[in-house]
Amino acid sequence: QQQSVEPLASTKSSCSIENQHYILKVNEQGSIVSLKLKSLDKEINFQQNFSYYASSSSDGKSQQQSG
């Protein structure tokens, strides 16, 4: 009962997810880089706001980081 759900993790390639409302860009680490809303034709870049989440530890102390 093996389910292979991680081809993206093994290839380490960035991708974008698109539907009729938005385009999500995801980098090699799996972090969301930007979100483009098609209705507004506006792209929101998340790198400045959320880059420190990628390096935060999962031991519950990540909220103590200054960023």
N, C-alpha and C. Protein backbone atom coordinates (compact mmCIF):
# COMPACT_ATOMS: atom_id res chain seq x y z
N GLN A 1 0.85 -1.19 0.00
CA GLN A 1 0.00 0.00 0.00
C GLN A 1 0.89 1.25 0.00
N GLN A 2 1.68 1.36 -1.02
CA GLN A 2 2.56 2.51 -1.14
C GLN A 2 1.93 3.56 -2.03
N GLN A 3 1.97 4.78 -1.55
CA GLN A 3 1.48 5.89 -2.35
C GLN A 3 2.64 6.84 -2.59
N SER A 4 2.99 7.04 -3.84
CA SER A 4 4.06 7.99 -4.12
C SER A 4 3.45 9.36 -4.36
N VAL A 5 3.58 10.20 -3.37
CA VAL A 5 3.00 11.54 -3.46
C VAL A 5 4.08 12.60 -3.45
N GLU A 6 5.34 12.22 -3.65
CA GLU A 6 6.39 13.21 -3.54
C GLU A 6 7.32 13.28 -4.75
N PRO A 7 6.77 13.33 -5.95
CA PRO A 7 7.67 13.55 -7.08
C PRO A 7 8.29 14.94 -7.07
N LEU A 8 7.55 15.92 -6.54
CA LEU A 8 8.09 17.27 -6.49
C LEU A 8 9.24 17.37 -5.50
N ALA A 9 9.13 16.67 -4.38
CA ALA A 9 10.18 16.74 -3.37
C ALA A 9 11.45 16.08 -3.86
N SER A 10 11.31 15.04 -4.66
CA SER A 10 12.50 14.33 -5.11
C SER A 10 13.19 15.04 -6.27
N THR A 11 12.41 15.74 -7.10
CA THR A 11 13.03 16.43 -8.22
C THR A 11 13.57 17.79 -7.82
N LYS A 12 13.12 18.34 -6.71
CA LYS A 12 13.59 19.62 -6.20
C LYS A 12 13.46 20.73 -7.24
N SER A 13 12.34 20.78 -7.90
CA SER A 13 12.14 21.82 -8.90
C SER A 13 11.01 22.74 -8.46
N SER A 14 11.13 23.99 -8.84
CA SER A 14 10.07 24.92 -8.53
C SER A 14 8.90 24.70 -9.48
N CYS A 15 7.73 25.11 -9.08
CA CYS A 15 6.57 24.92 -9.93
C CYS A 15 5.58 26.04 -9.68
N SER A 16 4.55 26.08 -10.49
CA SER A 16 3.47 27.02 -10.25
C SER A 16 2.15 26.27 -10.35
N ILE A 17 1.22 26.67 -9.51
CA ILE A 17 -0.10 26.05 -9.45
C ILE A 17 -1.10 27.10 -9.94
N GLU A 18 -1.86 26.74 -10.94
CA GLU A 18 -2.72 27.74 -11.57
C GLU A 18 -4.15 27.22 -11.67
N ASN A 19 -5.11 28.07 -11.35
CA ASN A 19 -6.50 27.78 -11.68
C ASN A 19 -7.12 29.03 -12.27
N GLN A 20 -8.43 29.09 -12.34
CA GLN A 20 -9.05 30.23 -13.03
C GLN A 20 -8.94 31.53 -12.24
N HIS A 21 -8.61 31.44 -10.94
CA HIS A 21 -8.59 32.64 -10.11
C HIS A 21 -7.20 33.14 -9.78
N TYR A 22 -6.24 32.25 -9.66
CA TYR A 22 -4.92 32.69 -9.21
C TYR A 22 -3.81 31.80 -9.75
N ILE A 23 -2.57 32.29 -9.62
CA ILE A 23 -1.38 31.51 -9.93
C ILE A 23 -0.48 31.55 -8.70
N LEU A 24 -0.16 30.37 -8.18
CA LEU A 24 0.75 30.25 -7.04
C LEU A 24 2.10 29.81 -7.55
N LYS A 25 3.16 30.48 -7.14
CA LYS A 25 4.51 30.05 -7.50
C LYS A 25 5.17 29.47 -6.26
N VAL A 26 5.73 28.27 -6.40
CA VAL A 26 6.35 27.55 -5.29
C VAL A 26 7.81 27.31 -5.65
N ASN A 27 8.72 27.55 -4.68
CA ASN A 27 10.14 27.36 -4.97
C ASN A 27 10.59 25.94 -4.66
N GLU A 28 11.90 25.70 -4.78
CA GLU A 28 12.43 24.34 -4.62
C GLU A 28 12.23 23.80 -3.21
N GLN A 29 12.19 24.68 -2.22
CA GLN A 29 12.02 24.23 -0.84
C GLN A 29 10.56 23.97 -0.49
N GLY A 30 9.66 24.27 -1.40
CA GLY A 30 8.25 24.08 -1.12
C GLY A 30 7.58 25.29 -0.53
N SER A 31 8.28 26.41 -0.48
CA SER A 31 7.71 27.63 0.05
C SER A 31 6.97 28.38 -1.05
N ILE A 32 5.88 29.02 -0.68
CA ILE A 32 5.14 29.83 -1.65
C ILE A 32 5.89 31.14 -1.87
N VAL A 33 6.22 31.42 -3.11
CA VAL A 33 7.00 32.61 -3.43
C VAL A 33 6.08 33.79 -3.74
N SER A 34 5.07 33.55 -4.55
CA SER A 34 4.18 34.64 -4.91
C SER A 34 2.80 34.11 -5.27
N LEU A 35 1.83 34.99 -5.19
CA LEU A 35 0.45 34.68 -5.55
C LEU A 35 -0.04 35.77 -6.48
N LYS A 36 -0.49 35.39 -7.66
CA LYS A 36 -1.03 36.37 -8.60
C LYS A 36 -2.52 36.17 -8.72
N LEU A 37 -3.26 37.21 -8.39
CA LEU A 37 -4.71 37.18 -8.54
C LEU A 37 -5.07 37.62 -9.95
N LYS A 38 -5.73 36.75 -10.68
CA LYS A 38 -6.03 37.06 -12.08
C LYS A 38 -7.09 38.16 -12.20
N SER A 39 -8.04 38.19 -11.29
CA SER A 39 -9.11 39.17 -11.40
C SER A 39 -8.57 40.59 -11.22
N LEU A 40 -7.58 40.76 -10.34
CA LEU A 40 -7.01 42.08 -10.12
C LEU A 40 -5.75 42.31 -10.94
N ASP A 41 -5.24 41.25 -11.55
CA ASP A 41 -3.97 41.29 -12.28
C ASP A 41 -2.87 41.85 -11.38
N LYS A 42 -2.85 41.38 -10.15
CA LYS A 42 -1.87 41.86 -9.18
C LYS A 42 -1.11 40.67 -8.61
N GLU A 43 0.21 40.80 -8.56
CA GLU A 43 1.04 39.73 -8.01
C GLU A 43 1.52 40.13 -6.62
N ILE A 44 1.32 39.25 -5.65
CA ILE A 44 1.74 39.49 -4.28
C ILE A 44 2.97 38.64 -4.02
N ASN A 45 4.09 39.29 -3.70
CA ASN A 45 5.33 38.57 -3.47
C ASN A 45 5.47 38.29 -1.98
N PHE A 46 5.63 37.01 -1.62
CA PHE A 46 5.68 36.62 -0.22
C PHE A 46 7.10 36.53 0.32
N GLN A 47 8.10 36.70 -0.52
CA GLN A 47 9.45 36.40 -0.08
C GLN A 47 9.89 37.30 1.07
N GLN A 48 9.56 38.57 1.03
CA GLN A 48 9.97 39.47 2.08
C GLN A 48 9.27 39.15 3.40
N ASN A 49 8.01 38.76 3.31
CA ASN A 49 7.22 38.58 4.52
C ASN A 49 7.40 37.23 5.17
N PHE A 50 7.62 36.19 4.38
CA PHE A 50 7.54 34.84 4.91
C PHE A 50 8.82 34.03 4.78
N SER A 51 9.91 34.66 4.35
CA SER A 51 11.12 33.86 4.12
C SER A 51 11.65 33.26 5.41
N TYR A 52 11.44 33.93 6.54
CA TYR A 52 12.00 33.41 7.79
C TYR A 52 11.23 32.21 8.31
N TYR A 53 10.04 31.96 7.79
CA TYR A 53 9.33 30.74 8.18
C TYR A 53 10.05 29.49 7.69
N ALA A 54 10.72 29.59 6.56
CA ALA A 54 11.39 28.42 5.99
C ALA A 54 12.51 27.94 6.89
N SER A 55 13.16 28.86 7.61
CA SER A 55 14.29 28.47 8.45
C SER A 55 13.87 28.24 9.90
N SER A 56 12.60 28.44 10.21
CA SER A 56 12.17 28.27 11.60
C SER A 56 12.11 26.80 11.97
N SER A 57 12.43 26.51 13.20
CA SER A 57 12.45 25.12 13.65
C SER A 57 11.05 24.67 14.00
N SER A 58 10.86 23.36 14.05
CA SER A 58 9.53 22.81 14.30
C SER A 58 9.37 22.38 15.75
N ASP A 59 10.14 22.98 16.65
CA ASP A 59 10.05 22.56 18.05
C ASP A 59 9.17 23.49 18.87
N GLY A 60 8.42 24.35 18.19
CA GLY A 60 7.51 25.23 18.90
C GLY A 60 8.13 26.54 19.33
N LYS A 61 9.40 26.77 18.99
CA LYS A 61 10.05 28.00 19.39
C LYS A 61 10.16 28.99 18.24
N SER A 62 9.52 28.69 17.13
CA SER A 62 9.70 29.54 15.96
C SER A 62 9.07 30.91 16.16
N GLN A 63 8.07 31.01 17.04
CA GLN A 63 7.43 32.30 17.23
C GLN A 63 8.31 33.27 18.01
N GLN A 64 9.43 32.79 18.57
CA GLN A 64 10.32 33.67 19.30
C GLN A 64 11.33 34.35 18.38
N GLN A 65 11.35 33.98 17.13
CA GLN A 65 12.29 34.59 16.20
C GLN A 65 11.86 36.01 15.89
N SER A 66 12.84 36.88 15.75
CA SER A 66 12.51 38.24 15.32
C SER A 66 12.67 38.32 13.82
N GLY A 67 11.73 38.93 13.18
CA GLY A 67 11.79 38.98 11.73
C GLY A 67 10.84 40.01 11.25
